Amino acid sequence: MNSANIPMEISIGGIYFPPIMFTVLLGVLLAGVIAKLLNRFNLTRFIWHPPLFFIALAVVCTRVVGLFIIPV
């Protein structure tokens, strides 16, 4: 981070990636794990629209992960 606390790009092999990319990736993976657990215990029967629920869960998980990876 620079002096203004603005997240900088992450360089992997000379290619620059924005920090939000890793945040979204971890958020979607976390949402996938939670969705698998809900399916395993058959709790998705209470969810009206599972694909919409997964998208909302991914957004929430991305935000929670973002609070720790990219503190503002």
PDB file of N, CA and C in Angstrom:
ATOM      1  N   MET A   1       0.839  -1.183   0.000  1.00  0.00           N
ATOM      2  CA  MET A   1       0.000   0.000   0.000  1.00  0.00           C
ATOM      3  C   MET A   1       0.881   1.241   0.000  1.00  0.00           C
ATOM      4  N   ASN A   2       0.374   2.262  -0.635  1.00  0.00           N
ATOM      5  CA  ASN A   2       1.125   3.509  -0.665  1.00  0.00           C
ATOM      6  C   ASN A   2       0.715   4.387   0.510  1.00  0.00           C
ATOM      7  N   SER A   3       1.192   5.613   0.518  1.00  0.00           N
ATOM      8  CA  SER A   3       0.950   6.487   1.661  1.00  0.00           C
ATOM      9  C   SER A   3      -0.511   6.894   1.809  1.00  0.00           C
ATOM     10  N   ALA A   4      -1.311   6.803   0.739  1.00  0.00           N
ATOM     11  CA  ALA A   4      -2.725   7.185   0.814  1.00  0.00           C
ATOM     12  C   ALA A   4      -3.618   5.984   1.132  1.00  0.00           C
ATOM     13  N   ASN A   5      -3.023   4.845   1.502  1.00  0.00           N
ATOM     14  CA  ASN A   5      -3.755   3.614   1.818  1.00  0.00           C
ATOM     15  C   ASN A   5      -4.605   3.119   0.659  1.00  0.00           C
ATOM     16  N   ILE A   6      -4.135   3.329  -0.555  1.00  0.00           N
ATOM     17  CA  ILE A   6      -4.825   2.821  -1.739  1.00  0.00           C
ATOM     18  C   ILE A   6      -4.161   1.507  -2.122  1.00  0.00           C
ATOM     19  N   PRO A   7      -4.938   0.425  -2.253  1.00  0.00           N
ATOM     20  CA  PRO A   7      -4.328  -0.854  -2.611  1.00  0.00           C
ATOM     21  C   PRO A   7      -3.640  -0.784  -3.970  1.00  0.00           C
ATOM     22  N   MET A   8      -2.473  -1.385  -4.054  1.00  0.00           N
ATOM     23  CA  MET A   8      -1.711  -1.392  -5.293  1.00  0.00           C
ATOM     24  C   MET A   8      -1.887  -2.737  -5.987  1.00  0.00           C
ATOM     25  N   GLU A   9      -1.481  -2.786  -7.244  1.00  0.00           N
ATOM     26  CA  GLU A   9      -1.556  -4.028  -7.998  1.00  0.00           C
ATOM     27  C   GLU A   9      -0.561  -5.043  -7.441  1.00  0.00           C
ATOM     28  N   ILE A  10      -0.884  -6.315  -7.662  1.00  0.00           N
ATOM     29  CA  ILE A  10      -0.015  -7.400  -7.232  1.00  0.00           C
ATOM     30  C   ILE A  10       0.650  -7.968  -8.480  1.00  0.00           C
ATOM     31  N   SER A  11       1.969  -8.051  -8.463  1.00  0.00           N
ATOM     32  CA  SER A  11       2.714  -8.539  -9.620  1.00  0.00           C
ATOM     33  C   SER A  11       3.034 -10.018  -9.440  1.00  0.00           C
ATOM     34  N   ILE A  12       2.571 -10.836 -10.377  1.00  0.00           N
ATOM     35  CA  ILE A  12       2.880 -12.268 -10.387  1.00  0.00           C
ATOM     36  C   ILE A  12       3.462 -12.583 -11.755  1.00  0.00           C
ATOM     37  N   GLY A  13       4.732 -12.887 -11.786  1.00  0.00           N
ATOM     38  CA  GLY A  13       5.391 -13.201 -13.049  1.00  0.00           C
ATOM     39  C   GLY A  13       5.416 -12.036 -14.022  1.00  0.00           C
ATOM     40  N   GLY A  14       5.475 -10.823 -13.511  1.00  0.00           N
ATOM     41  CA  GLY A  14       5.512  -9.650 -14.372  1.00  0.00           C
ATOM     42  C   GLY A  14       4.150  -9.198 -14.866  1.00  0.00           C
ATOM     43  N   ILE A  15       3.098  -9.890 -14.462  1.00  0.00           N
ATOM     44  CA  ILE A  15       1.735  -9.507 -14.844  1.00  0.00           C
ATOM     45  C   ILE A  15       1.074  -8.895 -13.615  1.00  0.00           C
ATOM     46  N   TYR A  16       0.488  -7.729 -13.797  1.00  0.00           N
ATOM     47  CA  TYR A  16      -0.136  -7.026 -12.688  1.00  0.00           C
ATOM     48  C   TYR A  16      -1.614  -7.396 -12.569  1.00  0.00           C
ATOM     49  N   PHE A  17      -2.020  -7.737 -11.355  1.00  0.00           N
ATOM     50  CA  PHE A  17      -3.409  -8.095 -11.069  1.00  0.00           C
ATOM     51  C   PHE A  17      -3.964  -7.137 -10.025  1.00  0.00           C
ATOM     52  N   PRO A  18      -5.229  -6.727 -10.198  1.00  0.00           N
ATOM     53  CA  PRO A  18      -5.834  -5.875  -9.179  1.00  0.00           C
ATOM     54  C   PRO A  18      -6.169  -6.699  -7.934  1.00  0.00           C
ATOM     55  N   PRO A  19      -6.071  -6.112  -6.757  1.00  0.00           N
ATOM     56  CA  PRO A  19      -6.361  -6.854  -5.526  1.00  0.00           C
ATOM     57  C   PRO A  19      -7.804  -7.354  -5.468  1.00  0.00           C
ATOM     58  N   ILE A  20      -8.724  -6.654  -6.120  1.00  0.00           N
ATOM     59  CA  ILE A  20     -10.121  -7.069  -6.083  1.00  0.00           C
ATOM     60  C   ILE A  20     -10.312  -8.419  -6.773  1.00  0.00           C
ATOM     61  N   MET A  21      -9.420  -8.755  -7.712  1.00  0.00           N
ATOM     62  CA  MET A  21      -9.526 -10.040  -8.404  1.00  0.00           C
ATOM     63  C   MET A  21      -9.363 -11.200  -7.422  1.00  0.00           C
ATOM     64  N   PHE A  22      -8.397 -11.093  -6.536  1.00  0.00           N
ATOM     65  CA  PHE A  22      -8.179 -12.144  -5.545  1.00  0.00           C
ATOM     66  C   PHE A  22      -9.292 -12.153  -4.505  1.00  0.00           C
ATOM     67  N   THR A  23      -9.814 -10.985  -4.200  1.00  0.00           N
ATOM     68  CA  THR A  23     -10.928 -10.899  -3.265  1.00  0.00           C
ATOM     69  C   THR A  23     -12.152 -11.605  -3.820  1.00  0.00           C
ATOM     70  N   VAL A  24     -12.467 -11.351  -5.084  1.00  0.00           N
ATOM     71  CA  VAL A  24     -13.629 -11.992  -5.714  1.00  0.00           C
ATOM     72  C   VAL A  24     -13.410 -13.496  -5.811  1.00  0.00           C
ATOM     73  N   LEU A  25     -12.211 -13.909  -6.172  1.00  0.00           N
ATOM     74  CA  LEU A  25     -11.911 -15.335  -6.283  1.00  0.00           C
ATOM     75  C   LEU A  25     -12.112 -16.043  -4.944  1.00  0.00           C
ATOM     76  N   LEU A  26     -11.577 -15.475  -3.873  1.00  0.00           N
ATOM     77  CA  LEU A  26     -11.748 -16.080  -2.553  1.00  0.00           C
ATOM     78  C   LEU A  26     -13.199 -16.037  -2.094  1.00  0.00           C
ATOM     79  N   GLY A  27     -13.910 -14.958  -2.410  1.00  0.00           N
ATOM     80  CA  GLY A  27     -15.319 -14.855  -2.038  1.00  0.00           C
ATOM     81  C   GLY A  27     -16.176 -15.899  -2.723  1.00  0.00           C
ATOM     82  N   VAL A  28     -15.934 -16.135  -4.009  1.00  0.00           N
ATOM     83  CA  VAL A  28     -16.703 -17.143  -4.748  1.00  0.00           C
ATOM     84  C   VAL A  28     -16.354 -18.545  -4.253  1.00  0.00           C
ATOM     85  N   LEU A  29     -15.080 -18.789  -3.968  1.00  0.00           N
ATOM     86  CA  LEU A  29     -14.697 -20.095  -3.423  1.00  0.00           C
ATOM     87  C   LEU A  29     -15.340 -20.340  -2.061  1.00  0.00           C
ATOM     88  N   LEU A  30     -15.360 -19.326  -1.217  1.00  0.00           N
ATOM     89  CA  LEU A  30     -16.002 -19.451   0.090  1.00  0.00           C
ATOM     90  C   LEU A  30     -17.500 -19.688  -0.059  1.00  0.00           C
ATOM     91  N   ALA A  31     -18.133 -18.988  -0.980  1.00  0.00           N
ATOM     92  CA  ALA A  31     -19.561 -19.197  -1.234  1.00  0.00           C
ATOM     93  C   ALA A  31     -19.817 -20.607  -1.748  1.00  0.00           C
ATOM     94  N   GLY A  32     -18.917 -21.133  -2.568  1.00  0.00           N
ATOM     95  CA  GLY A  32     -19.051 -22.502  -3.058  1.00  0.00           C
ATOM     96  C   GLY A  32     -18.969 -23.521  -1.936  1.00  0.00           C
ATOM     97  N   VAL A  33     -18.058 -23.297  -1.004  1.00  0.00           N
ATOM     98  CA  VAL A  33     -17.937 -24.202   0.145  1.00  0.00           C
ATOM     99  C   VAL A  33     -19.200 -24.143   0.996  1.00  0.00           C
ATOM    100  N   ILE A  34     -19.709 -22.951   1.238  1.00  0.00           N
ATOM    101  CA  ILE A  34     -20.931 -22.809   2.031  1.00  0.00           C
ATOM    102  C   ILE A  34     -22.109 -23.457   1.317  1.00  0.00           C
ATOM    103  N   ALA A  35     -22.207 -23.280   0.001  1.00  0.00           N
ATOM    104  CA  ALA A  35     -23.298 -23.890  -0.767  1.00  0.00           C
ATOM    105  C   ALA A  35     -23.214 -25.413  -0.723  1.00  0.00           C
ATOM    106  N   LYS A  36     -22.004 -25.959  -0.805  1.00  0.00           N
ATOM    107  CA  LYS A  36     -21.846 -27.418  -0.709  1.00  0.00           C
ATOM    108  C   LYS A  36     -22.276 -27.925   0.660  1.00  0.00           C
ATOM    109  N   LEU A  37     -21.934 -27.190   1.706  1.00  0.00           N
ATOM    110  CA  LEU A  37     -22.365 -27.586   3.047  1.00  0.00           C
ATOM    111  C   LEU A  37     -23.884 -27.527   3.180  1.00  0.00           C
ATOM    112  N   LEU A  38     -24.495 -26.494   2.615  1.00  0.00           N
ATOM    113  CA  LEU A  38     -25.955 -26.400   2.652  1.00  0.00           C
ATOM    114  C   LEU A  38     -26.597 -27.552   1.889  1.00  0.00           C
ATOM    115  N   ASN A  39     -26.012 -27.936   0.758  1.00  0.00           N
ATOM    116  CA  ASN A  39     -26.528 -29.073  -0.005  1.00  0.00           C
ATOM    117  C   ASN A  39     -26.338 -30.382   0.749  1.00  0.00           C
ATOM    118  N   ARG A  40     -25.205 -30.523   1.400  1.00  0.00           N
ATOM    119  CA  ARG A  40     -24.914 -31.762   2.123  1.00  0.00           C
ATOM    120  C   ARG A  40     -25.929 -32.009   3.243  1.00  0.00           C
ATOM    121  N   PHE A  41     -26.318 -30.950   3.931  1.00  0.00           N
ATOM    122  CA  PHE A  41     -27.278 -31.079   5.022  1.00  0.00           C
ATOM    123  C   PHE A  41     -28.713 -30.827   4.567  1.00  0.00           C
ATOM    124  N   ASN A  42     -28.912 -30.771   3.252  1.00  0.00           N
ATOM    125  CA  ASN A  42     -30.237 -30.636   2.633  1.00  0.00           C
ATOM    126  C   ASN A  42     -30.977 -29.376   3.101  1.00  0.00           C
ATOM    127  N   LEU A  43     -30.234 -28.319   3.324  1.00  0.00           N
ATOM    128  CA  LEU A  43     -30.849 -27.064   3.755  1.00  0.00           C
ATOM    129  C   LEU A  43     -31.256 -26.183   2.577  1.00  0.00           C
ATOM    130  N   THR A  44     -30.845 -26.553   1.370  1.00  0.00           N
ATOM    131  CA  THR A  44     -31.222 -25.752   0.207  1.00  0.00           C
ATOM    132  C   THR A  44     -32.684 -25.942  -0.169  1.00  0.00           C
ATOM    133  N   ARG A  45     -33.355 -26.883   0.443  1.00  0.00           N
ATOM    134  CA  ARG A  45     -34.784 -27.059   0.157  1.00  0.00           C
ATOM    135  C   ARG A  45     -35.596 -25.859   0.639  1.00  0.00           C
ATOM    136  N   PHE A  46     -35.041 -25.083   1.570  1.00  0.00           N
ATOM    137  CA  PHE A  46     -35.729 -23.900   2.082  1.00  0.00           C
ATOM    138  C   PHE A  46     -35.439 -22.653   1.249  1.00  0.00           C
ATOM    139  N   ILE A  47     -34.569 -22.771   0.260  1.00  0.00           N
ATOM    140  CA  ILE A  47     -34.178 -21.630  -0.571  1.00  0.00           C
ATOM    141  C   ILE A  47     -35.031 -21.630  -1.824  1.00  0.00           C
ATOM    142  N   TRP A  48     -35.669 -20.494  -2.100  1.00  0.00           N
ATOM    143  CA  TRP A  48     -36.601 -20.397  -3.213  1.00  0.00           C
ATOM    144  C   TRP A  48     -35.904 -20.504  -4.561  1.00  0.00           C
ATOM    145  N   HIS A  49     -34.793 -19.812  -4.726  1.00  0.00           N
ATOM    146  CA  HIS A  49     -34.102 -19.761  -6.015  1.00  0.00           C
ATOM    147  C   HIS A  49     -32.601 -19.965  -5.762  1.00  0.00           C
ATOM    148  N   PRO A  50     -32.130 -21.214  -5.761  1.00  0.00           N
ATOM    149  CA  PRO A  50     -30.727 -21.481  -5.399  1.00  0.00           C
ATOM    150  C   PRO A  50     -29.673 -20.727  -6.218  1.00  0.00           C
ATOM    151  N   PRO A  51     -29.809 -20.585  -7.556  1.00  0.00           N
ATOM    152  CA  PRO A  51     -28.769 -19.819  -8.266  1.00  0.00           C
ATOM    153  C   PRO A  51     -28.703 -18.349  -7.829  1.00  0.00           C
ATOM    154  N   LEU A  52     -29.849 -17.753  -7.588  1.00  0.00           N
ATOM    155  CA  LEU A  52     -29.874 -16.368  -7.118  1.00  0.00           C
ATOM    156  C   LEU A  52     -29.284 -16.272  -5.715  1.00  0.00           C
ATOM    157  N   PHE A  53     -29.583 -17.256  -4.883  1.00  0.00           N
ATOM    158  CA  PHE A  53     -29.019 -17.299  -3.540  1.00  0.00           C
ATOM    159  C   PHE A  53     -27.496 -17.414  -3.598  1.00  0.00           C
ATOM    160  N   PHE A  54     -26.985 -18.236  -4.531  1.00  0.00           N
ATOM    161  CA  PHE A  54     -25.535 -18.399  -4.649  1.00  0.00           C
ATOM    162  C   PHE A  54     -24.870 -17.087  -5.058  1.00  0.00           C
ATOM    163  N   ILE A  55     -25.481 -16.359  -5.973  1.00  0.00           N
ATOM    164  CA  ILE A  55     -24.912 -15.070  -6.390  1.00  0.00           C
ATOM    165  C   ILE A  55     -24.889 -14.097  -5.215  1.00  0.00           C
ATOM    166  N   ALA A  56     -25.992 -14.042  -4.469  1.00  0.00           N
ATOM    167  CA  ALA A  56     -26.043 -13.154  -3.306  1.00  0.00           C
ATOM    168  C   ALA A  56     -25.025 -13.578  -2.249  1.00  0.00           C
ATOM    169  N   LEU A  57     -24.900 -14.880  -2.046  1.00  0.00           N
ATOM    170  CA  LEU A  57     -23.927 -15.390  -1.081  1.00  0.00           C
ATOM    171  C   LEU A  57     -22.501 -15.063  -1.523  1.00  0.00           C
ATOM    172  N   ALA A  58     -22.233 -15.160  -2.811  1.00  0.00           N
ATOM    173  CA  ALA A  58     -20.907 -14.824  -3.335  1.00  0.00           C
ATOM    174  C   ALA A  58     -20.602 -13.343  -3.132  1.00  0.00           C
ATOM    175  N   VAL A  59     -21.596 -12.492  -3.322  1.00  0.00           N
ATOM    176  CA  VAL A  59     -21.394 -11.049  -3.111  1.00  0.00           C
ATOM    177  C   VAL A  59     -21.098 -10.766  -1.642  1.00  0.00           C
ATOM    178  N   VAL A  60     -21.857 -11.389  -0.750  1.00  0.00           N
ATOM    179  CA  VAL A  60     -21.642 -11.177   0.686  1.00  0.00           C
ATOM    180  C   VAL A  60     -20.272 -11.713   1.109  1.00  0.00           C
ATOM    181  N   CYS A  61     -19.918 -12.895   0.647  1.00  0.00           N
ATOM    182  CA  CYS A  61     -18.614 -13.474   0.992  1.00  0.00           C
ATOM    183  C   CYS A  61     -17.470 -12.635   0.432  1.00  0.00           C
ATOM    184  N   THR A  62     -17.647 -12.111  -0.774  1.00  0.00           N
ATOM    185  CA  THR A  62     -16.621 -11.250  -1.361  1.00  0.00           C
ATOM    186  C   THR A  62     -16.431  -9.996  -0.519  1.00  0.00           C
ATOM    187  N   ARG A  63     -17.511  -9.438  -0.046  1.00  0.00           N
ATOM    188  CA  ARG A  63     -17.417  -8.236   0.789  1.00  0.00           C
ATOM    189  C   ARG A  63     -16.733  -8.540   2.118  1.00  0.00           C
ATOM    190  N   VAL A  64     -17.067  -9.673   2.714  1.00  0.00           N
ATOM    191  CA  VAL A  64     -16.449 -10.046   3.988  1.00  0.00           C
ATOM    192  C   VAL A  64     -14.956 -10.296   3.801  1.00  0.00           C
ATOM    193  N   VAL A  65     -14.588 -11.005   2.747  1.00  0.00           N
ATOM    194  CA  VAL A  65     -13.167 -11.235   2.463  1.00  0.00           C
ATOM    195  C   VAL A  65     -12.485  -9.901   2.160  1.00  0.00           C
ATOM    196  N   GLY A  66     -13.167  -9.016   1.456  1.00  0.00           N
ATOM    197  CA  GLY A  66     -12.606  -7.715   1.119  1.00  0.00           C
ATOM    198  C   GLY A  66     -12.326  -6.850   2.329  1.00  0.00           C
ATOM    199  N   LEU A  67     -13.079  -7.046   3.382  1.00  0.00           N
ATOM    200  CA  LEU A  67     -12.825  -6.283   4.604  1.00  0.00           C
ATOM    201  C   LEU A  67     -11.463  -6.619   5.199  1.00  0.00           C
ATOM    202  N   PHE A  68     -11.005  -7.855   4.968  1.00  0.00           N
ATOM    203  CA  PHE A  68      -9.733  -8.275   5.534  1.00  0.00           C
ATOM    204  C   PHE A  68      -8.572  -8.122   4.560  1.00  0.00           C
ATOM    205  N   ILE A  69      -8.821  -8.290   3.264  1.00  0.00           N
ATOM    206  CA  ILE A  69      -7.742  -8.200   2.275  1.00  0.00           C
ATOM    207  C   ILE A  69      -7.482  -6.760   1.859  1.00  0.00           C
ATOM    208  N   ILE A  70      -8.540  -6.007   1.618  1.00  0.00           N
ATOM    209  CA  ILE A  70      -8.400  -4.617   1.184  1.00  0.00           C
ATOM    210  C   ILE A  70      -9.053  -3.711   2.228  1.00  0.00           C
ATOM    211  N   PRO A  71      -8.397  -3.476   3.339  1.00  0.00           N
ATOM    212  CA  PRO A  71      -8.997  -2.584   4.334  1.00  0.00           C
ATOM    213  C   PRO A  71      -8.992  -1.144   3.836  1.00  0.00           C
ATOM    214  N   VAL A  72     -10.131  -0.495   3.948  1.00  0.00           N
ATOM    215  CA  VAL A  72     -10.246   0.887   3.475  1.00  0.00           C
ATOM    216  C   VAL A  72     -10.358   1.819   4.660  1.00  0.00           C
TER     217      VAL A  72
END
